[in-house]
C-alpha atoms as a PDB file:
ATOM      1  CA  UNK A   1     -20.193  79.673  27.677  1.00  0.00           C
ATOM      2  CA  UNK A   2     -17.905  76.886  26.501  1.00  0.00           C
ATOM      3  CA  UNK A   3     -17.762  73.308  27.715  1.00  0.00           C
ATOM      4  CA  UNK A   4     -14.677  71.361  28.808  1.00  0.00           C
ATOM      5  CA  UNK A   5     -13.296  69.129  26.036  1.00  0.00           C
ATOM      6  CA  UNK A   6     -12.732  66.310  28.523  1.00  0.00           C
ATOM      7  CA  UNK A   7     -15.763  66.209  30.857  1.00  0.00           C
ATOM      8  CA  UNK A   8     -18.190  68.542  29.050  1.00  0.00           C
ATOM      9  CA  UNK A   9     -18.771  70.679  32.159  1.00  0.00           C
ATOM     10  CA  UNK A  10     -19.221  74.393  31.740  1.00  0.00           C
ATOM     11  CA  UNK A  11     -15.939  76.314  31.890  1.00  0.00           C
ATOM     12  CA  UNK A  12     -15.557  79.345  34.087  1.00  0.00           C
ATOM     13  CA  UNK A  13     -12.799  81.893  33.716  1.00  0.00           C
ATOM     14  CA  UNK A  14     -10.831  83.007  30.667  1.00  0.00           C
ATOM     15  CA  UNK A  15     -12.562  82.980  27.307  1.00  0.00           C
ATOM     16  CA  UNK A  16      -9.780  80.917  25.678  1.00  0.00           C
ATOM     17  CA  UNK A  17      -9.816  78.113  28.271  1.00  0.00           C
ATOM     18  CA  UNK A  18     -10.264  74.610  26.842  1.00  0.00           C
ATOM     19  CA  UNK A  19     -10.429  72.508  30.026  1.00  0.00           C
ATOM     20  CA  UNK A  20     -12.264  73.165  33.280  1.00  0.00           C
ATOM     21  CA  UNK A  21      -9.386  72.012  35.500  1.00  0.00           C
ATOM     22  CA  UNK A  22      -5.817  70.768  35.533  1.00  0.00           C
ATOM     23  CA  UNK A  23      -7.155  67.247  36.126  1.00  0.00           C
ATOM     24  CA  UNK A  24      -9.191  67.301  32.896  1.00  0.00           C
ATOM     25  CA  UNK A  25      -6.243  68.760  31.011  1.00  0.00           C
ATOM     26  CA  UNK A  26      -3.977  65.950  32.282  1.00  0.00           C
ATOM     27  CA  UNK A  27      -6.544  63.260  31.406  1.00  0.00           C
ATOM     28  CA  UNK A  28      -6.882  64.604  27.867  1.00  0.00           C
ATOM     29  CA  UNK A  29      -3.131  64.741  27.317  1.00  0.00           C
ATOM     30  CA  UNK A  30      -2.613  61.237  28.757  1.00  0.00           C
ATOM     31  CA  UNK A  31      -5.232  59.908  26.345  1.00  0.00           C
ATOM     32  CA  UNK A  32      -3.484  61.538  23.357  1.00  0.00           C
ATOM     33  CA  UNK A  33      -0.075  60.279  24.480  1.00  0.00           C
ATOM     34  CA  UNK A  34      -1.426  56.749  25.004  1.00  0.00           C
ATOM     35  CA  UNK A  35      -2.876  56.664  21.478  1.00  0.00           C
ATOM     36  CA  UNK A  36       0.355  57.983  19.978  1.00  0.00           C
ATOM     37  CA  UNK A  37       2.391  55.442  21.946  1.00  0.00           C
ATOM     38  CA  UNK A  38       0.196  52.573  20.685  1.00  0.00           C
ATOM     39  CA  UNK A  39       0.693  53.694  17.081  1.00  0.00           C
ATOM     40  CA  UNK A  40       4.429  54.105  17.608  1.00  0.00           C
ATOM     41  CA  UNK A  41       4.718  50.628  19.182  1.00  0.00           C
ATOM     42  CA  UNK A  42       2.887  49.027  16.259  1.00  0.00           C
ATOM     43  CA  UNK A  43       5.077  50.883  13.775  1.00  0.00           C
ATOM     44  CA  UNK A  44       8.226  49.711  15.594  1.00  0.00           C
ATOM     45  CA  UNK A  45       7.065  46.070  15.483  1.00  0.00           C
ATOM     46  CA  UNK A  46       6.301  46.353  11.750  1.00  0.00           C
ATOM     47  CA  UNK A  47       9.702  47.930  11.167  1.00  0.00           C
ATOM     48  CA  UNK A  48      11.432  45.140  13.099  1.00  0.00           C
ATOM     49  CA  UNK A  49       9.528  42.500  11.110  1.00  0.00           C
ATOM     50  CA  UNK A  50      10.493  44.255   7.881  1.00  0.00           C
ATOM     51  CA  UNK A  51      14.168  44.299   8.841  1.00  0.00           C
ATOM     52  CA  UNK A  52      14.068  40.585   9.694  1.00  0.00           C
ATOM     53  CA  UNK A  53      12.598  39.786   6.268  1.00  0.00           C
ATOM     54  CA  UNK A  54      15.064  42.136   4.602  1.00  0.00           C
ATOM     55  CA  UNK A  55      17.973  40.315   6.279  1.00  0.00           C
ATOM     56  CA  UNK A  56      16.707  37.017   4.880  1.00  0.00           C
ATOM     57  CA  UNK A  57      17.267  38.400   1.367  1.00  0.00           C
ATOM     58  CA  UNK A  58      20.500  40.341   2.092  1.00  0.00           C
ATOM     59  CA  UNK A  59      22.950  37.840   0.616  1.00  0.00           C
ATOM     60  CA  UNK A  60      20.590  36.319  -1.897  1.00  0.00           C
ATOM     61  CA  UNK A  61      19.397  37.338  -5.337  1.00  0.00           C
ATOM     62  CA  UNK A  62      16.483  34.944  -5.047  1.00  0.00           C
ATOM     63  CA  UNK A  63      12.942  36.260  -5.346  1.00  0.00           C
ATOM     64  CA  UNK A  64      11.654  33.733  -2.802  1.00  0.00           C
ATOM     65  CA  UNK A  65      12.996  31.911   0.236  1.00  0.00           C
ATOM     66  CA  UNK A  66      11.586  28.981   2.197  1.00  0.00           C
ATOM     67  CA  UNK A  67      11.971  29.058   5.983  1.00  0.00           C
ATOM     68  CA  UNK A  68      10.355  27.451   8.961  1.00  0.00           C
ATOM     69  CA  UNK A  69       7.959  29.279  11.220  1.00  0.00           C
ATOM     70  CA  UNK A  70      10.232  28.500  14.176  1.00  0.00           C
ATOM     71  CA  UNK A  71      13.367  29.952  12.551  1.00  0.00           C
ATOM     72  CA  UNK A  72      11.650  33.246  11.808  1.00  0.00           C
ATOM     73  CA  UNK A  73      10.050  33.414  15.259  1.00  0.00           C
ATOM     74  CA  UNK A  74      13.446  32.795  16.888  1.00  0.00           C
ATOM     75  CA  UNK A  75      14.689  36.007  15.241  1.00  0.00           C
ATOM     76  CA  UNK A  76      11.904  37.947  16.960  1.00  0.00           C
ATOM     77  CA  UNK A  77       9.427  38.032  14.072  1.00  0.00           C
ATOM     78  CA  UNK A  78       5.863  38.676  15.281  1.00  0.00           C
ATOM     79  CA  UNK A  79       3.469  37.018  12.840  1.00  0.00           C
ATOM     80  CA  UNK A  80       0.331  38.804  14.027  1.00  0.00           C
ATOM     81  CA  UNK A  81       1.676  42.149  12.741  1.00  0.00           C
ATOM     82  CA  UNK A  82       1.457  42.779   9.002  1.00  0.00           C
ATOM     83  CA  UNK A  83       0.311  45.574   6.698  1.00  0.00           C
ATOM     84  CA  UNK A  84      -2.011  43.695   4.339  1.00  0.00           C
ATOM     85  CA  UNK A  85      -3.829  40.383   3.991  1.00  0.00           C
ATOM     86  CA  UNK A  86      -4.623  38.966   0.550  1.00  0.00           C
ATOM     87  CA  UNK A  87      -6.632  35.847  -0.321  1.00  0.00           C
ATOM     88  CA  UNK A  88      -5.875  34.330  -3.735  1.00  0.00           C
ATOM     89  CA  UNK A  89      -8.279  32.386  -5.981  1.00  0.00           C
ATOM     90  CA  UNK A  90      -7.282  29.074  -4.369  1.00  0.00           C
ATOM     91  CA  UNK A  91      -8.193  30.409  -0.915  1.00  0.00           C
ATOM     92  CA  UNK A  92      -4.585  30.727   0.276  1.00  0.00           C
ATOM     93  CA  UNK A  93      -3.664  33.760   2.330  1.00  0.00           C
ATOM     94  CA  UNK A  94      -0.652  35.996   1.782  1.00  0.00           C
ATOM     95  CA  UNK A  95       0.423  38.369   4.503  1.00  0.00           C
ATOM     96  CA  UNK A  96       2.383  41.463   3.546  1.00  0.00           C
ATOM     97  CA  UNK A  97       4.845  43.774   5.233  1.00  0.00           C
ATOM     98  CA  UNK A  98       5.325  46.524   2.695  1.00  0.00           C
ATOM     99  CA  UNK A  99       7.080  44.908  -0.310  1.00  0.00           C
ATOM    100  CA  UNK A 100       7.531  41.452   1.278  1.00  0.00           C
ATOM    101  CA  UNK A 101       4.856  38.787   1.416  1.00  0.00           C
ATOM    102  CA  UNK A 102       4.680  35.314   2.849  1.00  0.00           C
ATOM    103  CA  UNK A 103       2.440  32.295   2.797  1.00  0.00           C
ATOM    104  CA  UNK A 104       2.223  29.917   5.747  1.00  0.00           C
ATOM    105  CA  UNK A 105       1.694  26.184   5.379  1.00  0.00           C
ATOM    106  CA  UNK A 106       0.307  23.649   7.842  1.00  0.00           C
ATOM    107  CA  UNK A 107       3.680  21.867   8.095  1.00  0.00           C
ATOM    108  CA  UNK A 108       5.298  24.951   9.673  1.00  0.00           C
ATOM    109  CA  UNK A 109       7.065  26.131   6.518  1.00  0.00           C
ATOM    110  CA  UNK A 110       6.807  29.583   5.007  1.00  0.00           C
ATOM    111  CA  UNK A 111       7.533  30.863   1.550  1.00  0.00           C
ATOM    112  CA  UNK A 112       8.665  34.479   1.630  1.00  0.00           C
ATOM    113  CA  UNK A 113       8.572  36.545  -1.559  1.00  0.00           C
ATOM    114  CA  UNK A 114      10.342  39.782  -2.313  1.00  0.00           C
END
C-alpha cells in the first residue's frame, strides 16, 4: 500500500493514486503554486530594480553614478532585494543586482557602478 503525499495516510483505490482525497490534492497543489508565486514575485522585484539601475546609465557612458537613497526609492527601487552581498577589505558592503553594484553611505548617498 502507498501513502498519501500530503497527509501520509494509507491510500485506498487505484494503484497509481498519489493523494488520498481531493482535499489533499488541492492542498498539495496550493502549496506548490504558493512557492512558485513567491519565487516569481522576487524575480519580478529584482527585474524591476535592475531596470531602474539600467535607466540610470542609459544616457551616460560613465562607469559610476552618485545618487541619493531617496531619489532611487522614489523610482520604486526596493533596497532589500539584491542578488549578492560583498564585503571589501575596509569593511564596506557592496550590494549587487546582476552586473550592477552599489555602496550606501550614512549621509544617504549611493555610488552605483556598472
